[in-house]
Amino acid sequence: MKCGRKYILPFSTLFVALFFVVLGATLPYLASQMQDAQISKFQKKMKLSGINLTLRQEGDVGATLQLMSMEHVESIWEGKTVLAKEDASQAALDVMEMLDDYDLLPEGELEYAAQADGYAEPQLLVGEDGSSALIWTCTWGNGLGTFITVDDATGKAVRIMVKNVPTDGGVVEDATFWVDKWIVFLQDYYDFNRIDMKVVDDHTMTSDQPSWFSIGFFSKDDATIYDLNLEITSDYIFFNFQ
């Protein structure tokens, strides 16, 4: 018995030692797997929390308008929306009608859009601070140069791209001519008051460089100040593009 006990004890000691060696080797992997799972769960929770907050928002387009003007990411959204695809296309077409009333569309552009097939896709917009909103990117046909993004909660435009409009002489006016017309449109469309305008970069319309304007607006409803941008080139005008 003493002999058997003599060999069993070293074997037990060796087994325990091997167990802790294996455990020590696998602990970093197990810890990494658990950490990844916790991070994934946390990210999913944060994402869903932001989306739920977005779907509850109503009425004011200002938050989405400001979010669009700052650093953000956009991704395709496949969940529920307030607007149907047809509603989003019609909301964008309504914006085009108002642009046409203010002489901010090329001749025949509105008529083409009214007859062409509208295309609308929902997107999730997420800012650096975690704020989010649902938007629709809308276009028409293949030959139209207009691109309008509308807010899902209100149907209001939060980003616009249109072709520049030549005058009767067949040339495009200088950038300051168009920025003044756009300011009037934006004031009326959003019911804003203009505070100031800063010229970030101003170039002649014959230059390859765009002209940039930063325009400050004051909301009549909640006294919020919005800094929105307008980029004017010889071919296109971009409102609220980041």
C-alpha atoms as a PDB file:
ATOM      1  CA  MET A   1       0.000   0.000   0.000  1.00  0.00           C
ATOM      2  CA  LYS A   2       2.825   2.327   0.844  1.00  0.00           C
ATOM      3  CA  CYS A   3       4.344   1.634  -2.535  1.00  0.00           C
ATOM      4  CA  GLY A   4       1.076   2.396  -4.377  1.00  0.00           C
ATOM      5  CA  ARG A   5       0.571   5.563  -2.387  1.00  0.00           C
ATOM      6  CA  LYS A   6       4.132   6.557  -3.202  1.00  0.00           C
ATOM      7  CA  TYR A   7       3.384   6.632  -6.974  1.00  0.00           C
ATOM      8  CA  ILE A   8      -0.171   8.009  -6.751  1.00  0.00           C
ATOM      9  CA  LEU A   9       0.869  11.215  -5.011  1.00  0.00           C
ATOM     10  CA  PRO A  10       3.344  12.351  -7.713  1.00  0.00           C
ATOM     11  CA  PHE A  11       0.833  11.460 -10.421  1.00  0.00           C
ATOM     12  CA  SER A  12      -1.890  13.536  -8.688  1.00  0.00           C
ATOM     13  CA  THR A  13       0.524  16.427  -8.329  1.00  0.00           C
ATOM     14  CA  LEU A  14       1.427  16.196 -12.008  1.00  0.00           C
ATOM     15  CA  PHE A  15      -2.258  16.126 -13.036  1.00  0.00           C
ATOM     16  CA  VAL A  16      -3.056  19.201 -10.959  1.00  0.00           C
ATOM     17  CA  ALA A  17      -0.065  21.019 -12.412  1.00  0.00           C
ATOM     18  CA  LEU A  18      -1.084  20.153 -15.983  1.00  0.00           C
ATOM     19  CA  PHE A  19      -4.648  21.302 -15.265  1.00  0.00           C
ATOM     20  CA  PHE A  20      -3.478  24.750 -14.170  1.00  0.00           C
ATOM     21  CA  VAL A  21      -1.102  25.023 -17.124  1.00  0.00           C
ATOM     22  CA  VAL A  22      -3.963  24.332 -19.570  1.00  0.00           C
ATOM     23  CA  LEU A  23      -6.286  26.637 -17.673  1.00  0.00           C
ATOM     24  CA  GLY A  24      -3.690  29.396 -17.717  1.00  0.00           C
ATOM     25  CA  ALA A  25      -3.276  29.032 -21.473  1.00  0.00           C
ATOM     26  CA  THR A  26      -7.007  29.172 -22.200  1.00  0.00           C
ATOM     27  CA  LEU A  27      -7.962  31.957 -19.765  1.00  0.00           C
ATOM     28  CA  PRO A  28      -6.896  34.815 -22.085  1.00  0.00           C
ATOM     29  CA  TYR A  29      -8.962  33.300 -24.919  1.00  0.00           C
ATOM     30  CA  LEU A  30     -12.009  32.784 -22.690  1.00  0.00           C
ATOM     31  CA  ALA A  31     -11.683  36.297 -21.268  1.00  0.00           C
ATOM     32  CA  SER A  32     -11.435  37.715 -24.795  1.00  0.00           C
ATOM     33  CA  GLN A  33     -14.531  35.805 -25.910  1.00  0.00           C
ATOM     34  CA  MET A  34     -16.518  37.016 -22.884  1.00  0.00           C
ATOM     35  CA  GLN A  35     -15.367  40.594 -23.450  1.00  0.00           C
ATOM     36  CA  ASP A  36     -16.345  40.468 -27.127  1.00  0.00           C
ATOM     37  CA  ALA A  37     -19.782  39.128 -26.185  1.00  0.00           C
ATOM     38  CA  GLN A  38     -20.284  41.893 -23.622  1.00  0.00           C
ATOM     39  CA  ILE A  39     -19.196  44.589 -26.093  1.00  0.00           C
ATOM     40  CA  SER A  40     -21.490  43.175 -28.783  1.00  0.00           C
ATOM     41  CA  LYS A  41     -24.407  43.105 -26.348  1.00  0.00           C
ATOM     42  CA  PHE A  42     -23.632  46.679 -25.236  1.00  0.00           C
ATOM     43  CA  GLN A  43     -23.426  47.969 -28.824  1.00  0.00           C
ATOM     44  CA  LYS A  44     -26.700  46.266 -29.730  1.00  0.00           C
ATOM     45  CA  LYS A  45     -28.386  47.782 -26.681  1.00  0.00           C
ATOM     46  CA  MET A  46     -27.072  51.255 -27.514  1.00  0.00           C
ATOM     47  CA  LYS A  47     -28.143  50.925 -31.156  1.00  0.00           C
ATOM     48  CA  LEU A  48     -31.656  49.837 -30.270  1.00  0.00           C
ATOM     49  CA  SER A  49     -31.933  52.544 -27.626  1.00  0.00           C
ATOM     50  CA  GLY A  50     -31.045  55.235 -30.155  1.00  0.00           C
ATOM     51  CA  ILE A  51     -33.464  53.863 -32.744  1.00  0.00           C
ATOM     52  CA  ASN A  52     -36.350  53.681 -30.290  1.00  0.00           C
ATOM     53  CA  LEU A  53     -35.718  57.293 -29.361  1.00  0.00           C
ATOM     54  CA  THR A  54     -35.791  58.254 -33.035  1.00  0.00           C
ATOM     55  CA  LEU A  55     -39.077  56.500 -33.732  1.00  0.00           C
ATOM     56  CA  ARG A  56     -40.724  58.434 -30.892  1.00  0.00           C
ATOM     57  CA  GLN A  57     -39.756  61.871 -32.201  1.00  0.00           C
ATOM     58  CA  GLU A  58     -42.528  63.990 -33.691  1.00  0.00           C
ATOM     59  CA  GLY A  59     -43.081  67.376 -35.253  1.00  0.00           C
ATOM     60  CA  ASP A  60     -39.847  69.373 -35.259  1.00  0.00           C
ATOM     61  CA  VAL A  61     -37.449  68.804 -38.147  1.00  0.00           C
ATOM     62  CA  GLY A  62     -34.731  70.940 -36.547  1.00  0.00           C
ATOM     63  CA  ALA A  63     -32.918  68.121 -34.759  1.00  0.00           C
ATOM     64  CA  THR A  64     -32.576  66.068 -37.965  1.00  0.00           C
ATOM     65  CA  LEU A  65     -31.624  69.155 -39.953  1.00  0.00           C
ATOM     66  CA  GLN A  66     -28.802  69.961 -37.534  1.00  0.00           C
ATOM     67  CA  LEU A  67     -27.682  66.329 -37.309  1.00  0.00           C
ATOM     68  CA  MET A  68     -27.436  66.162 -41.100  1.00  0.00           C
ATOM     69  CA  SER A  69     -25.156  69.214 -41.130  1.00  0.00           C
ATOM     70  CA  MET A  70     -22.609  67.618 -38.738  1.00  0.00           C
ATOM     71  CA  GLU A  71     -20.350  64.574 -38.916  1.00  0.00           C
ATOM     72  CA  HIS A  72     -22.494  61.451 -39.234  1.00  0.00           C
ATOM     73  CA  VAL A  73     -22.851  58.038 -40.848  1.00  0.00           C
ATOM     74  CA  GLU A  74     -25.742  56.685 -42.897  1.00  0.00           C
ATOM     75  CA  SER A  75     -26.820  53.100 -43.441  1.00  0.00           C
ATOM     76  CA  ILE A  76     -29.779  51.356 -45.087  1.00  0.00           C
ATOM     77  CA  TRP A  77     -32.742  50.949 -42.729  1.00  0.00           C
ATOM     78  CA  GLU A  78     -35.006  47.881 -42.992  1.00  0.00           C
ATOM     79  CA  GLY A  79     -37.217  48.465 -39.943  1.00  0.00           C
ATOM     80  CA  LYS A  80     -40.463  50.368 -39.437  1.00  0.00           C
ATOM     81  CA  THR A  81     -40.890  53.914 -40.753  1.00  0.00           C
ATOM     82  CA  VAL A  82     -43.459  56.667 -40.314  1.00  0.00           C
ATOM     83  CA  LEU A  83     -43.665  57.372 -44.053  1.00  0.00           C
ATOM     84  CA  ALA A  84     -44.364  54.801 -46.735  1.00  0.00           C
ATOM     85  CA  LYS A  85     -42.123  54.843 -49.811  1.00  0.00           C
ATOM     86  CA  GLU A  86     -44.815  56.596 -51.865  1.00  0.00           C
ATOM     87  CA  ASP A  87     -45.295  59.225 -49.137  1.00  0.00           C
ATOM     88  CA  ALA A  88     -41.569  59.968 -49.021  1.00  0.00           C
ATOM     89  CA  SER A  89     -41.444  60.420 -52.822  1.00  0.00           C
ATOM     90  CA  GLN A  90     -44.443  62.760 -52.699  1.00  0.00           C
ATOM     91  CA  ALA A  91     -42.900  64.779 -49.863  1.00  0.00           C
ATOM     92  CA  ALA A  92     -39.749  65.231 -51.941  1.00  0.00           C
ATOM     93  CA  LEU A  93     -41.829  66.209 -54.974  1.00  0.00           C
ATOM     94  CA  ASP A  94     -43.592  68.845 -52.838  1.00  0.00           C
ATOM     95  CA  VAL A  95     -40.164  70.309 -52.047  1.00  0.00           C
ATOM     96  CA  MET A  96     -39.403  70.442 -55.766  1.00  0.00           C
ATOM     97  CA  GLU A  97     -42.654  72.321 -56.404  1.00  0.00           C
ATOM     98  CA  MET A  98     -41.665  74.961 -53.860  1.00  0.00           C
ATOM     99  CA  LEU A  99     -38.146  75.188 -55.318  1.00  0.00           C
ATOM    100  CA  ASP A 100     -39.732  75.751 -58.713  1.00  0.00           C
ATOM    101  CA  ASP A 101     -41.927  78.531 -57.284  1.00  0.00           C
ATOM    102  CA  TYR A 102     -38.751  80.290 -56.114  1.00  0.00           C
ATOM    103  CA  ASP A 103     -37.070  79.829 -59.527  1.00  0.00           C
ATOM    104  CA  LEU A 104     -34.474  77.455 -58.111  1.00  0.00           C
ATOM    105  CA  LEU A 105     -35.013  74.621 -60.601  1.00  0.00           C
ATOM    106  CA  PRO A 106     -34.026  74.408 -64.279  1.00  0.00           C
ATOM    107  CA  GLU A 107     -36.919  74.742 -66.701  1.00  0.00           C
ATOM    108  CA  GLY A 108     -38.845  71.491 -67.183  1.00  0.00           C
ATOM    109  CA  GLU A 109     -37.238  69.770 -64.167  1.00  0.00           C
ATOM    110  CA  LEU A 110     -40.442  69.667 -62.107  1.00  0.00           C
ATOM    111  CA  GLU A 111     -42.528  68.371 -65.012  1.00  0.00           C
ATOM    112  CA  TYR A 112     -40.004  65.601 -65.628  1.00  0.00           C
ATOM    113  CA  ALA A 113     -40.037  64.556 -61.970  1.00  0.00           C
ATOM    114  CA  ALA A 114     -43.836  64.516 -61.838  1.00  0.00           C
ATOM    115  CA  GLN A 115     -43.932  62.005 -64.721  1.00  0.00           C
ATOM    116  CA  ALA A 116     -40.842  59.937 -63.861  1.00  0.00           C
ATOM    117  CA  ASP A 117     -40.709  57.002 -61.472  1.00  0.00           C
ATOM    118  CA  GLY A 118     -39.696  58.178 -58.026  1.00  0.00           C
ATOM    119  CA  TYR A 119     -37.125  56.215 -56.036  1.00  0.00           C
ATOM    120  CA  ALA A 120     -37.019  56.461 -52.215  1.00  0.00           C
ATOM    121  CA  GLU A 121     -34.863  54.508 -49.768  1.00  0.00           C
ATOM    122  CA  PRO A 122     -34.971  54.715 -45.950  1.00  0.00           C
ATOM    123  CA  GLN A 123     -31.686  55.349 -44.153  1.00  0.00           C
ATOM    124  CA  LEU A 124     -30.584  55.443 -40.530  1.00  0.00           C
ATOM    125  CA  LEU A 125     -28.663  58.613 -39.730  1.00  0.00           C
ATOM    126  CA  VAL A 126     -26.370  58.441 -36.667  1.00  0.00           C
ATOM    127  CA  GLY A 127     -24.268  61.316 -35.313  1.00  0.00           C
ATOM    128  CA  GLU A 128     -20.978  61.202 -33.423  1.00  0.00           C
ATOM    129  CA  ASP A 129     -22.809  61.852 -30.142  1.00  0.00           C
ATOM    130  CA  GLY A 130     -25.089  58.836 -30.656  1.00  0.00           C
ATOM    131  CA  SER A 131     -28.145  60.859 -31.723  1.00  0.00           C
ATOM    132  CA  SER A 132     -30.075  59.342 -34.612  1.00  0.00           C
ATOM    133  CA  ALA A 133     -32.893  59.912 -37.078  1.00  0.00           C
ATOM    134  CA  LEU A 134     -34.613  58.139 -39.941  1.00  0.00           C
ATOM    135  CA  ILE A 135     -34.433  59.776 -43.349  1.00  0.00           C
ATOM    136  CA  TRP A 136     -35.415  59.009 -46.959  1.00  0.00           C
ATOM    137  CA  THR A 137     -33.117  59.608 -49.935  1.00  0.00           C
ATOM    138  CA  CYS A 138     -35.243  60.445 -52.984  1.00  0.00           C
ATOM    139  CA  THR A 139     -34.447  60.692 -56.703  1.00  0.00           C
ATOM    140  CA  TRP A 140     -36.362  60.477 -59.974  1.00  0.00           C
ATOM    141  CA  GLY A 141     -35.565  58.595 -63.180  1.00  0.00           C
ATOM    142  CA  ASN A 142     -32.098  58.547 -64.725  1.00  0.00           C
ATOM    143  CA  GLY A 143     -31.819  61.971 -66.311  1.00  0.00           C
ATOM    144  CA  LEU A 144     -32.782  64.200 -63.364  1.00  0.00           C
ATOM    145  CA  GLY A 145     -30.077  66.020 -61.441  1.00  0.00           C
ATOM    146  CA  THR A 146     -32.142  66.525 -58.296  1.00  0.00           C
ATOM    147  CA  PHE A 147     -31.486  64.641 -55.063  1.00  0.00           C
ATOM    148  CA  ILE A 148     -33.624  65.350 -51.976  1.00  0.00           C
ATOM    149  CA  THR A 149     -33.432  63.812 -48.500  1.00  0.00           C
ATOM    150  CA  VAL A 150     -36.539  64.092 -46.322  1.00  0.00           C
ATOM    151  CA  ASP A 151     -37.029  63.502 -42.614  1.00  0.00           C
ATOM    152  CA  ASP A 152     -39.150  60.406 -41.907  1.00  0.00           C
ATOM    153  CA  ALA A 153     -40.955  61.946 -38.927  1.00  0.00           C
ATOM    154  CA  THR A 154     -42.040  65.188 -40.650  1.00  0.00           C
ATOM    155  CA  GLY A 155     -41.598  64.767 -44.414  1.00  0.00           C
ATOM    156  CA  LYS A 156     -39.488  67.958 -44.457  1.00  0.00           C
ATOM    157  CA  ALA A 157     -36.347  68.207 -46.581  1.00  0.00           C
ATOM    158  CA  VAL A 158     -33.069  68.084 -44.643  1.00  0.00           C
ATOM    159  CA  ARG A 159     -30.652  67.926 -47.624  1.00  0.00           C
ATOM    160  CA  ILE A 160     -31.035  69.099 -51.228  1.00  0.00           C
ATOM    161  CA  MET A 161     -28.984  68.867 -54.412  1.00  0.00           C
ATOM    162  CA  VAL A 162     -30.214  70.548 -57.618  1.00  0.00           C
ATOM    163  CA  LYS A 163     -28.723  71.579 -60.934  1.00  0.00           C
ATOM    164  CA  ASN A 164     -27.722  75.206 -61.166  1.00  0.00           C
ATOM    165  CA  VAL A 165     -30.111  77.417 -63.126  1.00  0.00           C
ATOM    166  CA  PRO A 166     -28.820  79.420 -66.106  1.00  0.00           C
ATOM    167  CA  THR A 167     -30.246  82.862 -66.743  1.00  0.00           C
ATOM    168  CA  ASP A 168     -31.942  83.968 -69.967  1.00  0.00           C
ATOM    169  CA  GLY A 169     -28.532  84.684 -71.427  1.00  0.00           C
ATOM    170  CA  GLY A 170     -27.541  81.051 -71.004  1.00  0.00           C
ATOM    171  CA  VAL A 171     -24.998  81.693 -68.243  1.00  0.00           C
ATOM    172  CA  VAL A 172     -25.095  81.035 -64.524  1.00  0.00           C
ATOM    173  CA  GLU A 173     -25.089  84.105 -62.268  1.00  0.00           C
ATOM    174  CA  ASP A 174     -22.438  84.555 -59.587  1.00  0.00           C
ATOM    175  CA  ALA A 175     -22.655  82.667 -56.298  1.00  0.00           C
ATOM    176  CA  THR A 176     -23.907  85.611 -54.237  1.00  0.00           C
ATOM    177  CA  PHE A 177     -26.912  85.946 -56.539  1.00  0.00           C
ATOM    178  CA  TRP A 178     -27.947  82.351 -55.820  1.00  0.00           C
ATOM    179  CA  VAL A 179     -27.189  82.344 -52.114  1.00  0.00           C
ATOM    180  CA  ASP A 180     -29.561  85.281 -51.616  1.00  0.00           C
ATOM    181  CA  LYS A 181     -32.361  83.442 -53.444  1.00  0.00           C
ATOM    182  CA  TRP A 182     -31.745  80.292 -51.398  1.00  0.00           C
ATOM    183  CA  ILE A 183     -31.821  82.194 -48.126  1.00  0.00           C
ATOM    184  CA  VAL A 184     -35.289  83.498 -48.951  1.00  0.00           C
ATOM    185  CA  PHE A 185     -36.459  79.986 -49.831  1.00  0.00           C
ATOM    186  CA  LEU A 186     -35.015  78.438 -46.650  1.00  0.00           C
ATOM    187  CA  GLN A 187     -36.518  81.133 -44.429  1.00  0.00           C
ATOM    188  CA  ASP A 188     -39.973  80.541 -45.862  1.00  0.00           C
ATOM    189  CA  TYR A 189     -39.726  76.755 -46.040  1.00  0.00           C
ATOM    190  CA  TYR A 190     -38.570  76.230 -42.438  1.00  0.00           C
ATOM    191  CA  ASP A 191     -40.149  79.404 -41.005  1.00  0.00           C
ATOM    192  CA  PHE A 192     -36.708  80.611 -39.914  1.00  0.00           C
ATOM    193  CA  ASN A 193     -35.200  84.057 -39.502  1.00  0.00           C
ATOM    194  CA  ARG A 194     -31.743  84.608 -40.917  1.00  0.00           C
ATOM    195  CA  ILE A 195     -29.140  85.755 -38.393  1.00  0.00           C
ATOM    196  CA  ASP A 196     -25.962  86.002 -40.422  1.00  0.00           C
ATOM    197  CA  MET A 197     -24.045  84.583 -43.358  1.00  0.00           C
ATOM    198  CA  LYS A 198     -20.348  83.774 -43.528  1.00  0.00           C
ATOM    199  CA  VAL A 199     -18.505  83.329 -46.788  1.00  0.00           C
ATOM    200  CA  VAL A 200     -16.205  80.353 -46.233  1.00  0.00           C
ATOM    201  CA  ASP A 201     -14.805  80.267 -49.787  1.00  0.00           C
ATOM    202  CA  ASP A 202     -16.014  82.396 -52.658  1.00  0.00           C
ATOM    203  CA  HIS A 203     -14.986  81.801 -56.265  1.00  0.00           C
ATOM    204  CA  THR A 204     -16.231  82.964 -59.653  1.00  0.00           C
ATOM    205  CA  MET A 205     -18.720  80.637 -61.338  1.00  0.00           C
ATOM    206  CA  THR A 206     -16.201  79.985 -64.117  1.00  0.00           C
ATOM    207  CA  SER A 207     -13.781  78.518 -61.566  1.00  0.00           C
ATOM    208  CA  ASP A 208     -13.543  74.794 -60.898  1.00  0.00           C
ATOM    209  CA  GLN A 209     -13.632  75.555 -57.155  1.00  0.00           C
ATOM    210  CA  PRO A 210     -17.014  75.677 -55.354  1.00  0.00           C
ATOM    211  CA  SER A 211     -18.215  78.611 -53.285  1.00  0.00           C
ATOM    212  CA  TRP A 212     -19.072  77.763 -49.663  1.00  0.00           C
ATOM    213  CA  PHE A 213     -21.451  79.710 -47.433  1.00  0.00           C
ATOM    214  CA  SER A 214     -22.315  79.129 -43.779  1.00  0.00           C
ATOM    215  CA  ILE A 215     -25.736  80.565 -42.962  1.00  0.00           C
ATOM    216  CA  GLY A 216     -27.062  81.101 -39.444  1.00  0.00           C
ATOM    217  CA  PHE A 217     -30.815  80.777 -38.920  1.00  0.00           C
ATOM    218  CA  PHE A 218     -33.012  81.415 -35.871  1.00  0.00           C
ATOM    219  CA  SER A 219     -36.042  79.176 -35.319  1.00  0.00           C
ATOM    220  CA  LYS A 220     -39.192  81.126 -34.509  1.00  0.00           C
ATOM    221  CA  ASP A 221     -40.717  78.187 -32.638  1.00  0.00           C
ATOM    222  CA  ASP A 222     -38.107  77.226 -30.053  1.00  0.00           C
ATOM    223  CA  ALA A 223     -35.424  79.934 -30.376  1.00  0.00           C
ATOM    224  CA  THR A 224     -32.848  77.395 -31.607  1.00  0.00           C
ATOM    225  CA  ILE A 225     -29.957  78.603 -33.771  1.00  0.00           C
ATOM    226  CA  TYR A 226     -28.967  76.489 -36.786  1.00  0.00           C
ATOM    227  CA  ASP A 227     -25.752  76.820 -38.786  1.00  0.00           C
ATOM    228  CA  LEU A 228     -26.410  75.377 -42.236  1.00  0.00           C
ATOM    229  CA  ASN A 229     -24.184  75.292 -45.301  1.00  0.00           C
ATOM    230  CA  LEU A 230     -24.675  75.996 -48.974  1.00  0.00           C
ATOM    231  CA  GLU A 231     -22.184  74.949 -51.659  1.00  0.00           C
ATOM    232  CA  ILE A 232     -22.538  76.525 -55.095  1.00  0.00           C
ATOM    233  CA  THR A 233     -20.693  75.320 -58.185  1.00  0.00           C
ATOM    234  CA  SER A 234     -21.116  76.167 -61.845  1.00  0.00           C
ATOM    235  CA  ASP A 235     -23.226  73.021 -62.305  1.00  0.00           C
ATOM    236  CA  TYR A 236     -24.917  72.194 -58.990  1.00  0.00           C
ATOM    237  CA  ILE A 237     -26.101  73.671 -55.702  1.00  0.00           C
ATOM    238  CA  PHE A 238     -25.780  71.596 -52.525  1.00  0.00           C
ATOM    239  CA  PHE A 239     -27.725  72.463 -49.387  1.00  0.00           C
ATOM    240  CA  ASN A 240     -26.782  70.941 -46.021  1.00  0.00           C
ATOM    241  CA  PHE A 241     -24.260  68.448 -47.366  1.00  0.00           C
ATOM    242  CA  GLN A 242     -21.503  67.455 -44.945  1.00  0.00           C
END
